[in-house]
Protein backbone atom coordinates (compact mmCIF):
# COMPACT_ATOMS: atom_id res chain seq x y z
CA MET A 1 -36.48 137.95 -43.75
CA PHE A 2 -37.36 141.55 -42.87
CA VAL A 3 -35.98 141.21 -39.32
CA THR A 4 -32.75 139.68 -40.66
CA ARG A 5 -32.39 142.46 -43.22
CA LEU A 6 -33.08 145.13 -40.59
CA LEU A 7 -30.64 143.74 -38.02
CA SER A 8 -27.83 143.24 -40.51
CA GLY A 9 -28.50 146.74 -41.84
CA ILE A 10 -28.16 148.21 -38.35
CA VAL A 11 -24.90 146.34 -37.76
CA LEU A 12 -23.62 147.49 -41.14
CA VAL A 13 -24.44 151.13 -40.36
CA LEU A 14 -22.76 150.95 -36.96
CA LEU A 15 -19.61 149.41 -38.43
CA ALA A 16 -19.54 151.91 -41.27
CA GLY A 17 -20.04 154.80 -38.84
CA THR A 18 -17.17 153.70 -36.63
CA ILE A 19 -14.72 153.02 -39.47
CA ILE A 20 -15.55 156.16 -41.45
CA THR A 21 -15.34 158.36 -38.37
CA TYR A 22 -11.91 156.93 -37.61
CA GLY A 23 -10.81 157.43 -41.22
CA GLY A 24 -7.15 157.33 -42.20
CA HIS A 25 -5.38 154.05 -42.92
CA VAL A 26 -8.09 152.05 -41.18
CA LEU A 27 -10.70 153.27 -43.67
CA LEU A 28 -8.25 152.75 -46.53
CA ALA A 29 -7.67 149.13 -45.48
CA VAL A 30 -11.38 148.37 -45.00
CA THR A 31 -12.27 149.97 -48.33
CA PHE A 32 -9.61 147.83 -49.97
CA LEU A 33 -11.06 144.71 -48.36
CA ILE A 34 -14.58 145.62 -49.51
CA SER A 35 -13.26 146.27 -53.02
CA VAL A 36 -11.55 142.87 -53.19
CA ILE A 37 -14.71 141.09 -52.00
CA GLY A 38 -16.79 143.01 -54.54
CA LEU A 39 -14.28 142.21 -57.24
CA THR A 40 -14.47 138.53 -56.35
CA GLU A 41 -18.28 138.62 -56.59
CA LEU A 42 -18.01 140.15 -60.05
CA PHE A 43 -15.32 137.72 -61.19
CA LYS A 44 -17.45 134.74 -60.13
CA ILE A 45 -19.99 135.66 -62.80
CA LEU A 46 -17.59 134.53 -65.53
CA HIS A 47 -15.58 132.12 -63.34
CA VAL A 48 -12.34 134.10 -63.29
CA GLU A 49 -12.03 134.51 -59.52
CA LYS A 50 -9.30 131.85 -59.55
CA GLY A 51 -6.30 131.42 -61.74
CA ILE A 52 -3.80 133.87 -63.14
CA LEU A 53 -6.39 136.22 -64.68
CA GLY A 54 -8.25 136.73 -61.41
CA PHE A 55 -4.93 137.04 -59.58
CA THR A 56 -3.98 139.82 -61.98
CA GLY A 57 -7.13 141.72 -61.02
CA TYR A 58 -6.45 141.39 -57.31
CA ILE A 59 -2.86 142.55 -57.72
CA ALA A 60 -4.10 145.56 -59.70
CA ALA A 61 -6.48 146.42 -56.86
CA ALA A 62 -3.68 146.18 -54.30
CA GLY A 63 -1.41 148.30 -56.47
CA TYR A 64 -4.00 151.04 -56.85
CA TYR A 65 -4.61 151.22 -53.12
CA GLY A 66 -0.84 151.35 -52.77
CA LEU A 67 -0.87 154.49 -54.90
CA LEU A 68 -3.51 155.98 -52.61
CA TYR A 69 -1.49 155.05 -49.52
CA ALA A 70 1.65 156.63 -50.97
CA GLU A 71 -0.34 159.67 -52.22
CA LYS A 72 0.92 159.08 -55.77
CA GLU A 73 -2.37 159.04 -57.65
CA GLU A 74 -0.90 161.28 -60.35
CA TYR A 75 0.39 158.02 -61.82
CA PHE A 76 -3.13 156.61 -62.17
CA LEU A 77 -3.33 156.94 -65.98
CA LEU A 78 0.04 155.29 -66.44
CA TYR A 79 -0.99 152.57 -63.99
CA SER A 80 -4.28 151.94 -65.83
CA LEU A 81 -2.51 151.60 -69.18
CA ALA A 82 0.07 149.27 -67.68
CA TYR A 83 -2.72 147.15 -66.20
CA LEU A 84 -4.40 146.91 -69.62
CA MET A 85 -1.14 145.71 -71.15
CA VAL A 86 -0.69 143.10 -68.41
CA VAL A 87 -4.24 141.81 -68.85
CA MET A 88 -3.77 141.54 -72.61
CA ALA A 89 -0.43 139.79 -72.06
CA VAL A 90 -2.18 137.21 -69.88
CA TYR A 91 -4.80 136.83 -72.61
CA VAL A 92 -2.32 136.07 -75.39
CA LEU A 93 0.18 134.04 -73.35
CA THR A 94 -2.50 131.73 -71.95
CA PHE A 95 -4.62 131.57 -75.11
CA PRO A 96 -7.11 129.93 -75.49
CA ASN A 97 -7.71 129.53 -71.75
CA TYR A 98 -9.72 132.75 -71.47
CA LYS A 99 -12.46 134.25 -73.59
CA THR A 100 -12.64 137.90 -74.63
CA ASP A 101 -15.59 138.64 -72.33
CA GLN A 102 -13.60 137.34 -69.36
CA ILE A 103 -10.70 139.63 -70.21
CA LEU A 104 -13.03 142.61 -70.56
CA LEU A 105 -14.71 141.82 -67.24
CA VAL A 106 -11.39 141.74 -65.38
CA TYR A 107 -10.35 145.11 -66.79
CA PHE A 108 -13.81 146.65 -66.35
CA GLY A 109 -14.07 145.34 -62.79
CA PHE A 110 -10.95 147.25 -61.76
CA PHE A 111 -12.66 150.56 -62.54
CA TYR A 112 -16.23 149.59 -61.66
CA VAL A 113 -15.47 148.20 -58.21
CA VAL A 114 -11.97 149.15 -57.11
CA VAL A 115 -11.48 152.68 -58.42
CA MET A 116 -15.03 153.89 -57.88
CA LEU A 117 -15.31 152.51 -54.33
CA ALA A 118 -11.95 154.07 -53.47
CA HIS A 119 -13.64 157.47 -53.71
CA LEU A 120 -15.24 156.68 -50.37
CA TYR A 121 -11.80 156.99 -48.81
CA LYS A 122 -10.84 159.94 -51.02
CA THR A 123 -13.97 161.84 -49.99
CA ARG A 124 -13.22 161.23 -46.32
CA MET A 125 -9.77 162.75 -46.83
CA LEU A 126 -11.13 166.04 -48.22
CA GLU A 127 -11.30 169.17 -46.09
CA GLY A 128 -14.41 168.64 -44.01
CA GLY A 129 -14.48 165.07 -45.29
CA LEU A 130 -15.77 163.70 -42.00
CA TYR A 131 -19.06 165.47 -42.75
CA ILE A 132 -19.05 165.31 -46.55
CA VAL A 133 -18.48 161.54 -46.76
CA TRP A 134 -21.89 160.82 -45.22
CA LEU A 135 -23.52 162.34 -48.28
CA ILE A 136 -22.46 159.26 -50.23
CA PHE A 137 -24.63 157.02 -48.07
CA LEU A 138 -27.39 159.55 -47.49
CA CYS A 139 -27.83 160.10 -51.22
CA SER A 140 -27.81 156.39 -52.01
CA TRP A 141 -29.99 155.04 -49.22
CA VAL A 142 -32.34 158.01 -48.73
CA CYS A 143 -32.92 158.23 -52.46
CA ASP A 144 -33.78 154.53 -52.53
CA THR A 145 -36.17 154.87 -49.57
CA CYS A 146 -37.89 158.01 -50.90
CA ALA A 147 -38.19 156.50 -54.37
CA TYR A 148 -39.85 153.41 -52.92
CA CYS A 149 -42.30 155.39 -50.75
CA VAL A 150 -43.23 157.93 -53.43
CA GLY A 151 -43.57 155.24 -56.06
CA MET A 152 -45.83 153.18 -53.81
CA LEU A 153 -48.05 156.15 -52.94
CA CYS A 154 -48.31 157.32 -56.54
CA ASN A 155 -49.14 153.81 -57.71
CA LYS A 156 -51.93 153.62 -55.14
CA PHE A 157 -53.55 157.00 -55.80
CA ILE A 158 -52.66 158.36 -59.24
CA GLY A 159 -50.82 155.61 -61.08
CA THR A 160 -47.21 155.48 -62.24
CA HIS A 161 -45.08 155.28 -65.35
CA LYS A 162 -42.42 152.56 -65.57
CA LEU A 163 -38.83 153.79 -65.43
CA ALA A 164 -37.15 150.68 -66.89
CA PRO A 165 -39.93 148.11 -67.43
CA LYS A 166 -37.74 145.32 -68.82
CA LEU A 167 -34.97 145.78 -66.27
CA SER A 168 -36.82 146.68 -63.06
CA PRO A 169 -40.61 146.56 -63.49
CA LYS A 170 -41.31 147.92 -59.98
CA LYS A 171 -39.35 151.16 -60.41
CA SER A 172 -41.28 154.19 -61.64
CA ILE A 173 -40.47 157.61 -63.03
CA GLU A 174 -42.49 159.17 -60.22
CA GLY A 175 -40.50 157.20 -57.65
CA ALA A 176 -37.21 158.24 -59.26
CA ILE A 177 -38.23 161.91 -59.10
CA GLY A 178 -39.33 161.46 -55.50
CA GLY A 179 -35.96 159.95 -54.65
CA VAL A 180 -34.11 162.93 -56.11
CA VAL A 181 -36.37 165.47 -54.42
CA GLY A 182 -36.02 163.66 -51.09
CA SER A 183 -32.23 163.69 -51.41
CA VAL A 184 -32.20 167.40 -52.29
CA LEU A 185 -34.30 168.23 -49.23
CA LEU A 186 -32.05 166.09 -47.06
CA GLY A 187 -29.01 167.86 -48.49
CA MET A 188 -30.51 171.22 -47.58
CA LEU A 189 -31.28 170.05 -44.05
CA TYR A 190 -27.84 168.51 -43.65
CA GLY A 191 -26.21 171.69 -44.93
CA TYR A 192 -28.19 173.73 -42.43
CA LEU A 193 -27.31 171.48 -39.49
CA ALA A 194 -23.66 170.79 -40.40
CA GLY A 195 -22.90 174.07 -42.16
CA ASP A 196 -20.65 175.33 -39.37
CA GLN A 197 -18.41 172.30 -39.87
CA LEU A 198 -18.07 172.90 -43.62
CA ASN A 199 -16.02 176.08 -43.54
CA GLY A 200 -14.51 175.31 -46.92
CA ILE A 201 -17.87 175.36 -48.72
CA GLU A 202 -19.76 178.59 -49.24
CA ASN A 203 -23.53 178.48 -48.70
CA PRO A 204 -23.58 174.80 -47.63
CA VAL A 205 -27.39 174.58 -47.78
CA VAL A 206 -27.48 175.27 -51.53
CA SER A 207 -24.19 173.49 -52.28
CA LEU A 208 -25.17 170.29 -50.49
CA ALA A 209 -28.62 170.34 -52.10
CA ILE A 210 -26.98 170.40 -55.54
CA ILE A 211 -24.48 167.70 -54.58
CA CYS A 212 -27.19 165.44 -53.14
CA GLY A 213 -29.46 165.96 -56.14
CA ALA A 214 -26.74 164.92 -58.57
CA GLY A 215 -25.73 162.03 -56.32
CA ALA A 216 -29.32 160.79 -56.17
CA VAL A 217 -29.65 160.72 -59.96
CA ILE A 218 -26.40 158.79 -60.36
CA SER A 219 -27.22 156.42 -57.49
CA GLN A 220 -30.29 155.21 -59.38
CA ILE A 221 -28.19 154.56 -62.46
CA GLY A 222 -25.80 152.55 -60.28
CA ASP A 223 -28.66 150.53 -58.86
CA LEU A 224 -30.05 149.74 -62.31
CA ALA A 225 -26.60 149.00 -63.74
CA ALA A 226 -25.96 146.36 -61.08
CA SER A 227 -29.40 144.88 -61.77
CA ALA A 228 -28.69 144.80 -65.50
CA ILE A 229 -25.52 142.77 -64.97
CA LYS A 230 -27.39 140.30 -62.77
CA ARG A 231 -30.19 139.91 -65.29
CA ASN A 232 -27.76 139.37 -68.14
CA TYR A 233 -26.12 136.53 -66.25
CA GLU A 234 -29.35 135.29 -64.62
CA ILE A 235 -28.27 135.56 -60.99
CA LYS A 236 -30.39 136.75 -58.07
CA ASP A 237 -27.65 138.13 -55.83
CA TYR A 238 -23.93 138.73 -56.19
CA GLY A 239 -23.22 136.98 -52.90
CA LYS A 240 -24.46 136.04 -49.44
CA LEU A 241 -22.03 137.96 -47.24
CA ILE A 242 -24.61 140.35 -45.74
CA PRO A 243 -27.69 138.49 -44.39
CA GLY A 244 -30.86 139.75 -46.00
CA HIS A 245 -29.00 142.00 -48.42
CA GLY A 246 -26.83 139.69 -50.51
CA GLY A 247 -23.25 140.49 -51.39
CA ILE A 248 -21.14 143.63 -51.33
CA LEU A 249 -22.24 144.59 -54.83
CA ASP A 250 -25.90 144.12 -53.87
CA ARG A 251 -25.60 146.51 -50.91
CA PHE A 252 -23.11 148.97 -52.39
CA ASP A 253 -24.39 149.05 -55.99
CA SER A 254 -25.57 152.67 -55.78
CA VAL A 255 -22.72 153.72 -53.46
CA ILE A 256 -20.23 152.65 -56.14
CA PHE A 257 -21.65 155.28 -58.49
CA THR A 258 -22.43 157.92 -55.89
CA ALA A 259 -18.98 158.02 -54.25
CA PRO A 260 -17.09 159.50 -57.26
CA VAL A 261 -19.87 162.04 -57.89
CA ILE A 262 -19.88 163.28 -54.30
CA TYR A 263 -16.10 163.41 -54.26
CA PHE A 264 -15.70 165.45 -57.45
CA LEU A 265 -18.60 167.80 -56.75
CA ALA A 266 -17.49 168.41 -53.16
CA ASP A 267 -13.92 168.99 -54.35
CA MET A 268 -15.20 171.40 -57.01
CA PHE A 269 -17.23 173.43 -54.48
CA LEU A 270 -14.22 173.49 -52.16
CA ARG A 271 -11.99 174.84 -54.95
CA VAL A 272 -14.55 177.48 -55.96
CA SER A 273 -14.87 178.59 -52.35
CA VAL A 274 -11.11 178.90 -51.98
CA LYS A 275 -10.94 181.11 -55.07
């Protein structure tokens, strides 16, 4: 199991590295594909991946990525309201085929999976995005690794306090703090090494430390949120697409939350620097 997880992880990193480095429409298309697969995994929980309701969700995803492609995201609010009206129209016109929780899931899934994952592409398209976008993965995966190591060491030598005992009994407050600290230190190191490539951000060592720290906190919320959904619906994994890891939502659960945070914070530091 460990070897399978390791090998698939290496392949995943290599693919991600190639696609993200290339960027542009290739990254947009791949991010869209990942979003649709993740949306399907979520829809399967309440059996709405087929039929007109699920089709409505997929069309909404395609439409949103169409806005990104056309650089017309200023219409996002209008688009979101229109999507809500369409979903509710499906609800009433097909009543009683769908339950309220299924309708809510389809609308929620659009934001949770599609919109939030799209910030991976949006971050790549920022000034210096080729270097900033890696913070999304570094925050998520380094935070997870540091949290695990610190939590294990603390549990062995000084004991730990449970972070969310009913949701994830193995996670500890000490591990969570260790994950954030590890991400902050990584951000500082990354800022020092890649600072010359981040001309738009003043004092990249401090700026990236702040960005990584915030991203690490949010990544843990994303991880726990995905676990909470699985526990509520009594499933072990969202899918089996990635050997040893599960589905897209199992592997990208923290990335989903981290991507928007990195995007907005990086964009904020870029704007402050320009001023």
